[in-house]
Amino acid sequence: MEDYDVKIIVGKEPNIEEFKAHSTILSSKSIYFKNALSSRWVKKEDGIIIFYKPNISPLVFEVLIKHIYKGILSVENNGINLMDVIIAADELKLLEVYQQLENRFLDNKLNWKPKEIITALQHDRFTNLYNFALGIIYRNPIIIFESEDFSKIKEVQLIQLLKSDDLVLKEIKIWKYLIKWGIKNTDSISDDDLTKWTSKNFVGLKNTLRNCIPHIRFFSMSPNEYTKATRHFKDILPDGLDEEVLQYFLDPTSKLSFDVLPLRGYPFDSNIINAKDAALIASWVHKKRTPYNNYKDLPSKFKLIYRASRDGFGINNFHKNCDNKESTVIIIKIRNSGEIIGGYNPLEWRSIKIEENETSRLLSHNQDFYNDYKCKASNSFIFSLTNQKFPILSRISSKEEAIIWCKNKGPCFGLQDLCIKPLKPSNNFNVICESKQHSYEKKIINGEIFEIEEYEVLVNPDIEEWLKFMGGITI
């Protein structure tokens, strides 16, 4: 680089790299550099400013300097923690970089990696990213707990997760993950084999977990689970806790000195969404201005009637399980991106005629099956739960074509707004998802054609009666 007047020394030993730059360009792009390079305290050698940034890695700084000089933000497939880029961009006052990456994360154009989720949890000043990362963990805690980076999570963030009612995972599993984290973060423990441990190892583990254990909900475990969970670890429990848990199992009304924490979440049968998501969907169904706080507050509960990975992805499998069922919610998880979209159908689904005298007005060429028959509904909607902070609700705008019945397709909302159909017309066992805005108010996902990782159908048979009771809301 010619005519440079700045050398920026980036990173720490043994990973240090030198970048040559121009002070005028740096100052014009970053108020941070403008202030730092104009200081009378800057170090110079032979007229060249020497500037040190040990807290930013060379790989991260390379991304930022390329954007400063070329306006290019290239972050795909370079193996860096993108949250580190965001943190560095924020420090260097490169607002455009920060905003671009935040938008990409929130729009799910960038897949979150466990280390990026953990980094986001450690920087709650990035409010949107922080809340988004929490939503990912609450919906799928295994993504963090089973990752190699789990042991790197800080105690304060781990405690925050343990304190949450939204962490939907069996308590005995949470306990096992906590023990795993504690072992990795106890210096005196070098072997996972408990038979080789000394009393010093257990004392070390107790000290490591002393602030975390109070947030484990032992009283929510079954007696059998509690026995299995604590068999080897009674010595690390707070004094008196074991006796009180056993007393509680014998008499839940007994007076205790330890707090009996409530159950986490609410039992909810879905591999895609959690009870909190279901409560939000129910709020949309009921057209509530204020969403339900908890799934348990709902006047009636959803029931799973179809899961593609269990019942088969084929179109016929969907119709076999879901035809003639009213008030259904479709939940779809997109492969690779993990985006979650879906729709609510207040009517039933159909593929074949159910009345002997049903006329050809509804049917295709006087045959016994429907083919793209348009159904009128005023209460249907489609949605996206990908960003829990800013979910997307898209209600019907063309009521005459709210729901489509078709034997050769799965659930279809609008002409093309959200539809599951065969990958090839000759094979209805491999399906794809199509989403092109037409009949509903908003587009719910970027792109048009997607592979499906999983999809489910939930039914609430009481919803229609509830809506009528609440004031004759039509479907």
Protein backbone atom coordinates (compact mmCIF):
# COMPACT_ATOMS: atom_id res chain seq x y z
CA MET A 1 0.00 0.00 0.00
CA GLU A 2 1.54 3.30 -1.13
CA ASP A 3 1.69 6.57 0.80
CA TYR A 4 0.37 5.00 3.99
CA ASP A 5 0.85 6.92 7.21
CA VAL A 6 -0.61 4.48 9.75
CA LYS A 7 0.47 1.03 10.91
CA ILE A 8 -2.17 -0.79 12.91
CA ILE A 9 -0.81 -3.68 14.99
CA VAL A 10 -3.71 -6.06 15.60
CA GLY A 11 -4.07 -9.10 17.88
CA LYS A 12 -2.04 -10.78 20.60
CA GLU A 13 0.89 -13.18 20.54
CA PRO A 14 1.25 -15.51 18.75
CA ASN A 15 -1.47 -14.17 16.42
CA ILE A 16 -0.38 -10.63 15.52
CA GLU A 17 -0.68 -8.93 12.15
CA GLU A 18 0.25 -5.49 10.84
CA PHE A 19 -2.12 -3.47 8.63
CA LYS A 20 -1.05 -0.39 6.66
CA ALA A 21 -3.61 2.35 6.19
CA HIS A 22 -4.21 6.04 5.51
CA SER A 23 -5.26 8.29 8.36
CA THR A 24 -7.49 10.42 6.12
CA ILE A 25 -9.50 7.38 4.98
CA LEU A 26 -9.76 5.92 8.48
CA SER A 27 -10.85 9.26 9.93
CA SER A 28 -13.47 9.81 7.23
CA LYS A 29 -15.07 6.41 7.87
CA SER A 30 -14.82 6.18 11.66
CA ILE A 31 -15.25 8.78 14.38
CA TYR A 32 -13.23 6.42 16.58
CA PHE A 33 -10.18 6.66 14.31
CA LYS A 34 -10.76 10.38 13.77
CA ASN A 35 -10.42 11.00 17.50
CA ALA A 36 -7.70 8.43 18.15
CA LEU A 37 -5.40 9.42 15.30
CA SER A 38 -5.69 13.14 15.97
CA SER A 39 -4.58 12.79 19.58
CA ARG A 40 -1.29 14.39 20.52
CA TRP A 41 -0.48 11.17 22.38
CA VAL A 42 -0.23 9.00 19.26
CA LYS A 43 3.04 7.17 18.77
CA LYS A 44 5.03 7.84 15.59
CA GLU A 45 8.05 6.19 14.01
CA ASP A 46 9.64 7.90 10.99
CA GLY A 47 6.46 9.90 10.48
CA ILE A 48 4.25 6.78 10.57
CA ILE A 49 1.56 6.51 13.25
CA ILE A 50 1.85 3.22 15.17
CA PHE A 51 -1.54 2.16 16.51
CA TYR A 52 -2.21 -0.97 18.59
CA LYS A 53 -5.49 -2.94 18.79
CA PRO A 54 -4.66 -6.09 20.78
CA ASN A 55 -8.31 -6.83 21.61
CA ILE A 56 -9.32 -7.38 17.95
CA SER A 57 -8.15 -10.47 16.06
CA PRO A 58 -6.43 -10.10 12.66
CA LEU A 59 -9.23 -12.02 10.90
CA VAL A 60 -11.88 -9.71 12.32
CA PHE A 61 -9.91 -6.56 11.54
CA GLU A 62 -9.32 -7.76 7.98
CA VAL A 63 -13.09 -7.83 7.45
CA LEU A 64 -13.43 -4.29 8.82
CA ILE A 65 -10.52 -2.74 6.92
CA LYS A 66 -11.82 -4.26 3.68
CA HIS A 67 -15.17 -2.61 4.32
CA ILE A 68 -13.51 0.72 5.14
CA TYR A 69 -11.57 0.74 1.87
CA LYS A 70 -13.85 -1.13 -0.54
CA GLY A 71 -17.31 -1.01 1.01
CA ILE A 72 -17.39 -4.82 0.95
CA LEU A 73 -18.71 -6.81 3.90
CA SER A 74 -17.59 -10.37 3.25
CA VAL A 75 -18.23 -12.63 6.24
CA GLU A 76 -19.35 -15.91 4.72
CA ASN A 77 -17.25 -19.05 5.09
CA ASN A 78 -14.25 -17.41 6.74
CA GLY A 79 -14.56 -19.22 10.06
CA ILE A 80 -14.73 -16.16 12.31
CA ASN A 81 -17.20 -15.45 15.07
CA LEU A 82 -19.49 -12.87 13.48
CA MET A 83 -20.44 -11.50 16.88
CA ASP A 84 -16.75 -10.61 17.28
CA VAL A 85 -17.05 -8.57 14.07
CA ILE A 86 -20.13 -6.80 15.46
CA ILE A 87 -18.39 -6.06 18.77
CA ALA A 88 -15.31 -4.69 16.98
CA ALA A 89 -17.45 -2.64 14.57
CA ASP A 90 -19.31 -1.17 17.53
CA GLU A 91 -16.03 -0.27 19.26
CA LEU A 92 -14.59 1.34 16.12
CA LYS A 93 -17.87 3.20 15.50
CA LEU A 94 -18.44 1.52 12.14
CA LEU A 95 -22.21 1.83 12.41
CA GLU A 96 -22.93 0.60 8.88
CA VAL A 97 -21.11 -2.70 9.50
CA TYR A 98 -22.90 -3.21 12.81
CA GLN A 99 -26.32 -2.53 11.30
CA GLN A 100 -25.75 -4.75 8.26
CA LEU A 101 -24.66 -7.73 10.34
CA GLU A 102 -27.43 -7.23 12.88
CA ASN A 103 -30.03 -7.16 10.11
CA ARG A 104 -28.58 -10.29 8.52
CA PHE A 105 -28.72 -12.12 11.83
CA LEU A 106 -32.25 -10.99 12.64
CA ASP A 107 -33.46 -11.82 9.13
CA ASN A 108 -31.81 -15.24 9.51
CA LYS A 109 -29.70 -14.76 6.40
CA LEU A 110 -26.79 -15.84 8.60
CA ASN A 111 -27.13 -19.08 10.52
CA TRP A 112 -26.30 -18.66 14.19
CA LYS A 113 -23.46 -20.83 15.48
CA PRO A 114 -23.31 -21.83 19.16
CA LYS A 115 -20.24 -19.65 19.81
CA GLU A 116 -22.05 -16.64 18.30
CA ILE A 117 -25.13 -17.27 20.45
CA ILE A 118 -22.93 -17.44 23.55
CA THR A 119 -21.11 -14.25 22.57
CA ALA A 120 -24.44 -12.45 22.06
CA LEU A 121 -25.51 -13.47 25.58
CA GLN A 122 -22.37 -11.85 26.97
CA HIS A 123 -23.17 -8.48 25.37
CA ASP A 124 -26.69 -7.47 26.37
CA ARG A 125 -26.08 -3.92 25.16
CA PHE A 126 -26.85 -5.30 21.69
CA THR A 127 -30.47 -5.63 22.74
CA ASN A 128 -31.96 -7.06 19.55
CA LEU A 129 -29.25 -9.68 19.08
CA TYR A 130 -29.30 -10.54 22.78
CA ASN A 131 -33.05 -11.18 22.80
CA PHE A 132 -32.88 -13.07 19.52
CA ALA A 133 -30.15 -15.35 20.90
CA LEU A 134 -32.21 -16.00 24.04
CA GLY A 135 -35.16 -16.96 21.85
CA ILE A 136 -33.04 -19.49 19.98
CA ILE A 137 -31.91 -21.09 23.24
CA TYR A 138 -35.37 -21.17 24.79
CA ARG A 139 -36.79 -22.80 21.66
CA ASN A 140 -33.94 -25.28 21.23
CA PRO A 141 -31.67 -25.38 24.31
CA ILE A 142 -29.77 -28.41 22.98
CA ILE A 143 -28.10 -26.17 20.39
CA ILE A 144 -26.06 -24.67 23.25
CA PHE A 145 -25.94 -27.43 25.84
CA GLU A 146 -24.69 -30.04 23.35
CA SER A 147 -22.15 -27.77 21.68
CA GLU A 148 -18.39 -27.83 22.25
CA ASP A 149 -18.65 -24.16 23.24
CA PHE A 150 -21.03 -24.79 26.16
CA SER A 151 -18.19 -24.97 28.68
CA LYS A 152 -17.10 -21.47 27.59
CA ILE A 153 -20.33 -19.78 28.65
CA LYS A 154 -19.80 -17.42 31.59
CA GLU A 155 -21.37 -18.13 34.96
CA VAL A 156 -23.57 -15.02 34.88
CA GLN A 157 -25.10 -16.02 31.53
CA LEU A 158 -25.54 -19.62 32.63
CA ILE A 159 -27.37 -18.48 35.75
CA GLN A 160 -29.64 -16.32 33.63
CA LEU A 161 -30.63 -19.39 31.61
CA LEU A 162 -31.11 -21.50 34.73
CA LYS A 163 -33.40 -18.84 36.25
CA SER A 164 -35.66 -18.72 33.19
CA ASP A 165 -39.11 -20.30 33.18
CA ASP A 166 -38.87 -20.47 29.38
CA LEU A 167 -36.01 -22.98 29.31
CA VAL A 168 -38.07 -25.98 28.22
CA LEU A 169 -35.92 -28.98 29.08
CA LYS A 170 -36.36 -31.73 31.65
CA GLU A 171 -34.82 -30.65 34.93
CA ILE A 172 -32.70 -33.78 35.24
CA LYS A 173 -31.13 -32.97 31.86
CA ILE A 174 -30.45 -29.39 32.91
CA TRP A 175 -28.74 -30.76 36.03
CA LYS A 176 -26.57 -33.12 33.95
CA TYR A 177 -25.51 -30.27 31.67
CA LEU A 178 -24.70 -28.12 34.69
CA ILE A 179 -22.48 -30.87 36.13
CA LYS A 180 -20.76 -31.14 32.74
CA TRP A 181 -20.15 -27.36 32.70
CA GLY A 182 -18.89 -27.45 36.30
CA ILE A 183 -16.40 -30.23 35.62
CA LYS A 184 -14.96 -28.36 32.63
CA ASN A 185 -14.61 -25.18 34.68
CA THR A 186 -13.03 -26.69 37.81
CA ASP A 187 -9.23 -26.55 37.67
CA SER A 188 -8.72 -29.39 40.14
CA ILE A 189 -10.67 -31.85 37.94
CA SER A 190 -8.75 -33.40 35.06
CA ASP A 191 -10.74 -36.62 34.63
CA ASP A 192 -14.48 -37.21 34.09
CA ASP A 193 -14.26 -40.64 35.74
CA LEU A 194 -15.91 -40.18 39.15
CA THR A 195 -14.27 -43.34 40.52
CA LYS A 196 -10.93 -41.55 40.30
CA TRP A 197 -12.10 -38.43 42.12
CA THR A 198 -10.88 -37.41 45.56
CA SER A 199 -12.72 -35.29 48.11
CA LYS A 200 -10.73 -32.33 46.77
CA ASN A 201 -12.39 -32.77 43.37
CA PHE A 202 -15.90 -32.69 44.86
CA VAL A 203 -15.05 -29.63 46.96
CA GLY A 204 -13.76 -27.91 43.83
CA LEU A 205 -16.94 -28.75 41.91
CA LYS A 206 -19.10 -27.52 44.79
CA ASN A 207 -17.28 -24.18 44.79
CA THR A 208 -17.62 -23.86 41.02
CA LEU A 209 -21.38 -24.51 41.11
CA ARG A 210 -22.27 -22.79 44.38
CA ASN A 211 -24.07 -19.91 42.62
CA CYS A 212 -25.76 -22.12 40.01
CA ILE A 213 -27.20 -24.97 42.08
CA PRO A 214 -29.85 -22.79 43.83
CA HIS A 215 -31.52 -22.33 40.43
CA ILE A 216 -31.93 -26.05 39.75
CA ARG A 217 -35.55 -27.06 40.37
CA PHE A 218 -34.97 -30.29 42.29
CA PHE A 219 -38.52 -30.17 43.67
CA SER A 220 -39.83 -30.47 40.09
CA MET A 221 -38.05 -33.78 39.54
CA SER A 222 -39.70 -37.11 40.23
CA PRO A 223 -38.26 -39.05 43.18
CA ASN A 224 -36.62 -41.46 40.76
CA GLU A 225 -35.08 -38.62 38.73
CA TYR A 226 -33.82 -36.90 41.85
CA THR A 227 -32.19 -40.09 43.12
CA LYS A 228 -30.42 -40.65 39.79
CA ALA A 229 -29.38 -37.01 39.51
CA THR A 230 -27.85 -36.68 42.95
CA ARG A 231 -26.57 -40.19 43.64
CA HIS A 232 -22.92 -39.21 43.16
CA PHE A 233 -23.28 -35.51 43.98
CA LYS A 234 -25.02 -35.18 47.36
CA ASP A 235 -21.85 -33.67 48.83
CA ILE A 236 -22.02 -30.66 46.50
CA LEU A 237 -25.63 -29.77 47.41
CA PRO A 238 -26.37 -26.94 49.86
CA ASP A 239 -26.64 -28.13 53.45
CA GLY A 240 -30.13 -29.39 54.24
CA LEU A 241 -31.40 -29.42 50.65
CA ASP A 242 -31.37 -33.20 50.24
CA GLU A 243 -33.42 -33.72 53.40
CA GLU A 244 -35.99 -31.11 52.37
CA VAL A 245 -36.42 -32.49 48.85
CA LEU A 246 -37.06 -35.96 50.25
CA GLN A 247 -39.48 -34.48 52.79
CA TYR A 248 -41.30 -32.65 49.99
CA PHE A 249 -41.71 -35.89 48.04
CA LEU A 250 -43.36 -37.44 51.10
CA ASP A 251 -45.48 -34.39 51.96
CA PRO A 252 -45.69 -31.50 49.41
CA THR A 253 -47.49 -29.36 52.03
CA SER A 254 -44.62 -29.51 54.55
CA LYS A 255 -42.91 -26.27 55.57
CA LEU A 256 -39.54 -25.82 53.85
CA SER A 257 -36.66 -23.38 54.15
CA PHE A 258 -35.73 -23.75 50.46
CA ASP A 259 -37.89 -22.16 47.77
CA VAL A 260 -39.97 -24.56 45.68
CA LEU A 261 -39.45 -23.07 42.24
CA PRO A 262 -42.27 -23.43 39.67
CA LEU A 263 -42.17 -25.83 36.76
CA ARG A 264 -40.39 -24.52 33.70
CA GLY A 265 -42.55 -23.67 30.73
CA TYR A 266 -45.55 -25.90 30.15
CA PRO A 267 -45.83 -29.41 28.70
CA PHE A 268 -46.30 -28.88 24.97
CA ASP A 269 -46.01 -31.49 22.24
CA SER A 270 -44.03 -29.87 19.44
CA ASN A 271 -40.54 -30.32 18.05
CA ILE A 272 -40.61 -26.85 16.45
CA ILE A 273 -42.22 -24.32 18.79
CA ASN A 274 -42.55 -24.01 22.55
CA ALA A 275 -45.48 -23.21 24.80
CA LYS A 276 -44.72 -19.49 24.68
CA ASP A 277 -44.92 -19.53 20.88
CA ALA A 278 -48.22 -21.41 21.09
CA ALA A 279 -49.60 -18.77 23.46
CA LEU A 280 -48.70 -16.05 20.94
CA ILE A 281 -50.39 -17.94 18.09
CA ALA A 282 -53.49 -18.42 20.25
CA SER A 283 -53.54 -14.66 20.91
CA TRP A 284 -53.61 -14.07 17.14
CA VAL A 285 -56.38 -16.64 16.71
CA HIS A 286 -58.45 -14.97 19.41
CA LYS A 287 -57.57 -11.50 18.07
CA LYS A 288 -56.41 -10.36 21.48
CA ARG A 289 -54.82 -6.93 21.72
CA THR A 290 -52.66 -8.13 24.62
CA PRO A 291 -51.01 -11.54 24.07
CA TYR A 292 -51.42 -14.35 26.57
CA ASN A 293 -48.54 -14.38 29.03
CA ASN A 294 -48.50 -18.15 29.37
CA TYR A 295 -49.76 -21.17 27.49
CA LYS A 296 -51.46 -22.37 30.66
CA ASP A 297 -53.65 -19.22 30.55
CA LEU A 298 -55.28 -20.32 27.29
CA PRO A 299 -58.99 -21.22 27.51
CA SER A 300 -58.19 -24.40 25.56
CA LYS A 301 -55.04 -26.19 24.44
CA PHE A 302 -53.59 -27.26 21.10
CA LYS A 303 -53.26 -30.94 20.25
CA LEU A 304 -50.69 -32.38 17.82
CA ILE A 305 -52.39 -34.42 15.07
CA TYR A 306 -49.60 -34.65 12.50
CA ARG A 307 -45.81 -34.58 12.53
CA ALA A 308 -44.11 -35.11 9.18
CA SER A 309 -41.00 -36.82 10.57
CA ARG A 310 -43.23 -39.25 12.47
CA ASP A 311 -46.20 -39.73 10.14
CA GLY A 312 -44.47 -39.27 6.79
CA PHE A 313 -43.79 -36.21 4.62
CA GLY A 314 -46.00 -37.39 1.75
CA ILE A 315 -49.03 -35.35 0.70
CA ASN A 316 -51.24 -38.39 1.30
CA ASN A 317 -49.95 -38.61 4.88
CA PHE A 318 -51.00 -35.03 5.54
CA HIS A 319 -54.52 -35.56 4.17
CA LYS A 320 -54.91 -38.88 6.00
CA ASN A 321 -54.24 -37.22 9.35
CA CYS A 322 -55.65 -33.73 8.82
CA ASP A 323 -58.61 -33.83 6.41
CA ASN A 324 -61.93 -32.73 7.92
CA LYS A 325 -60.16 -31.29 10.98
CA GLU A 326 -61.16 -27.68 11.74
CA SER A 327 -59.18 -24.89 13.40
CA THR A 328 -55.68 -26.10 12.64
CA VAL A 329 -52.30 -24.43 12.94
CA ILE A 330 -49.52 -25.41 10.53
CA ILE A 331 -45.94 -25.05 11.82
CA ILE A 332 -43.01 -25.36 9.38
CA LYS A 333 -39.28 -25.40 10.12
CA ILE A 334 -37.12 -24.53 7.11
CA ARG A 335 -34.06 -26.68 6.49
CA ASN A 336 -30.60 -25.07 6.96
CA SER A 337 -31.85 -21.63 8.06
CA GLY A 338 -34.03 -22.92 10.92
CA GLU A 339 -36.67 -20.28 10.14
CA ILE A 340 -40.14 -21.01 11.55
CA ILE A 341 -43.25 -20.09 9.59
CA GLY A 342 -46.84 -21.27 9.52
CA GLY A 343 -50.50 -20.47 9.21
CA TYR A 344 -53.91 -20.80 10.87
CA ASN A 345 -56.88 -22.31 9.02
CA PRO A 346 -60.25 -21.84 10.76
CA LEU A 347 -61.87 -24.16 8.19
CA GLU A 348 -61.16 -27.83 7.60
CA TRP A 349 -58.73 -29.36 5.11
CA ARG A 350 -60.11 -31.54 2.33
CA SER A 351 -58.85 -33.63 -0.56
CA ILE A 352 -61.82 -35.80 -1.54
CA LYS A 353 -65.58 -35.34 -1.44
CA ILE A 354 -67.34 -36.44 1.72
CA GLU A 355 -70.97 -36.17 0.53
CA GLU A 356 -72.43 -38.49 -2.08
CA ASN A 357 -74.35 -35.67 -3.76
CA GLU A 358 -71.51 -33.13 -3.65
CA THR A 359 -71.56 -31.23 -6.94
CA SER A 360 -68.79 -30.75 -9.48
CA ARG A 361 -68.65 -27.04 -8.59
CA LEU A 362 -66.25 -28.05 -5.86
CA LEU A 363 -64.60 -30.92 -7.64
CA SER A 364 -62.26 -31.35 -10.60
CA HIS A 365 -63.86 -32.70 -13.80
CA ASN A 366 -66.57 -34.51 -11.83
CA GLN A 367 -63.90 -36.63 -10.13
CA ASP A 368 -63.87 -37.37 -6.44
CA PHE A 369 -61.04 -35.04 -5.47
CA TYR A 370 -60.51 -31.31 -5.10
CA ASN A 371 -58.07 -29.46 -7.34
CA ASP A 372 -57.10 -25.94 -6.22
CA TYR A 373 -60.55 -25.13 -4.89
CA LYS A 374 -60.64 -21.68 -3.25
CA CYS A 375 -62.27 -21.42 0.19
CA LYS A 376 -63.50 -18.19 1.76
CA ALA A 377 -62.37 -17.28 5.28
CA SER A 378 -62.00 -14.00 7.13
CA ASN A 379 -60.05 -15.17 10.16
CA SER A 380 -57.13 -17.06 8.63
CA PHE A 381 -53.54 -15.82 8.84
CA ILE A 382 -49.94 -16.79 8.16
CA PHE A 383 -46.95 -15.90 10.31
CA SER A 384 -43.23 -16.08 11.03
CA LEU A 385 -41.75 -16.83 14.46
CA THR A 386 -38.15 -16.70 13.28
CA ASN A 387 -37.49 -13.46 15.13
CA GLN A 388 -39.15 -13.79 18.53
CA LYS A 389 -38.60 -10.11 19.25
CA PHE A 390 -40.40 -9.10 16.04
CA PRO A 391 -42.72 -11.93 14.91
CA ILE A 392 -44.62 -11.38 11.67
CA LEU A 393 -48.42 -11.71 11.55
CA SER A 394 -50.00 -11.56 8.09
CA ARG A 395 -53.81 -11.70 8.01
CA ILE A 396 -55.91 -12.50 4.98
CA SER A 397 -56.50 -9.65 2.53
CA SER A 398 -58.31 -11.57 -0.26
CA LYS A 399 -60.93 -13.50 1.71
CA GLU A 400 -62.30 -15.39 -1.29
CA GLU A 401 -59.03 -17.31 -1.68
CA ALA A 402 -57.94 -17.65 1.94
CA ILE A 403 -57.54 -21.44 1.93
CA ILE A 404 -56.90 -23.79 -1.00
CA TRP A 405 -58.08 -27.41 -1.09
CA CYS A 406 -56.16 -29.75 -3.34
CA LYS A 407 -55.60 -33.51 -3.28
CA ASN A 408 -52.15 -33.15 -4.81
CA LYS A 409 -50.91 -30.53 -2.34
CA GLY A 410 -50.56 -30.25 1.40
CA PRO A 411 -51.77 -27.22 3.40
CA CYS A 412 -52.11 -24.12 1.19
CA PHE A 413 -52.86 -20.55 2.31
CA GLY A 414 -53.83 -18.12 -0.45
CA LEU A 415 -52.93 -18.64 -4.07
CA GLN A 416 -49.22 -18.94 -3.31
CA ASP A 417 -48.65 -17.25 0.06
CA LEU A 418 -47.79 -20.46 1.90
CA CYS A 419 -48.09 -23.89 0.38
CA ILE A 420 -46.56 -27.34 0.82
CA LYS A 421 -46.44 -29.27 -2.42
CA PRO A 422 -44.54 -32.14 -4.08
CA LEU A 423 -41.01 -31.51 -5.28
CA LYS A 424 -42.07 -33.27 -8.49
CA PRO A 425 -45.68 -33.82 -9.67
CA SER A 426 -44.98 -37.54 -10.10
CA ASN A 427 -43.70 -37.96 -6.54
CA ASN A 428 -45.70 -36.60 -3.61
CA PHE A 429 -43.41 -38.09 -0.94
CA ASN A 430 -40.71 -35.41 -1.28
CA VAL A 431 -42.21 -32.01 -0.50
CA ILE A 432 -41.12 -28.38 -0.57
CA CYS A 433 -42.51 -25.14 0.80
CA GLU A 434 -43.51 -22.26 -1.47
CA SER A 435 -44.19 -18.70 -0.30
CA LYS A 436 -45.08 -15.88 -2.70
CA GLN A 437 -47.19 -13.05 -1.34
CA HIS A 438 -50.55 -12.68 -3.05
CA SER A 439 -53.62 -13.19 -0.87
CA TYR A 440 -52.30 -12.17 2.57
CA GLU A 441 -51.18 -8.76 3.87
CA LYS A 442 -47.45 -9.35 4.27
CA LYS A 443 -44.65 -11.53 3.04
CA ILE A 444 -43.45 -13.72 5.91
CA ILE A 445 -40.10 -15.00 4.61
CA ASN A 446 -37.38 -13.93 2.19
CA GLY A 447 -37.18 -16.14 -0.89
CA GLU A 448 -39.86 -18.27 -2.51
CA ILE A 449 -38.92 -21.98 -2.49
CA PHE A 450 -37.60 -23.82 0.58
CA GLU A 451 -36.70 -27.29 1.77
CA ILE A 452 -38.60 -28.47 4.84
CA GLU A 453 -36.81 -29.91 7.85
CA GLU A 454 -40.01 -30.60 9.78
CA TYR A 455 -43.65 -29.58 9.83
CA GLU A 456 -46.49 -30.19 12.23
CA VAL A 457 -50.23 -29.65 12.42
CA LEU A 458 -51.90 -28.67 15.68
CA VAL A 459 -55.65 -28.65 16.20
CA ASN A 460 -57.77 -26.79 18.71
CA PRO A 461 -61.32 -28.10 18.42
CA ASP A 462 -62.58 -25.58 20.98
CA ILE A 463 -61.40 -22.47 19.14
CA GLU A 464 -64.40 -22.11 16.83
CA GLU A 465 -66.87 -22.38 19.71
CA TRP A 466 -64.77 -19.97 21.77
CA LEU A 467 -64.76 -17.40 18.96
CA LYS A 468 -68.53 -17.62 18.58
CA PHE A 469 -68.98 -17.27 22.34
CA MET A 470 -66.76 -14.18 22.42
CA GLY A 471 -68.93 -12.26 20.02
CA GLY A 472 -69.70 -14.04 16.83
CA ILE A 473 -66.35 -13.60 15.11
CA THR A 474 -66.79 -15.21 11.72
CA ILE A 475 -64.37 -17.58 10.09
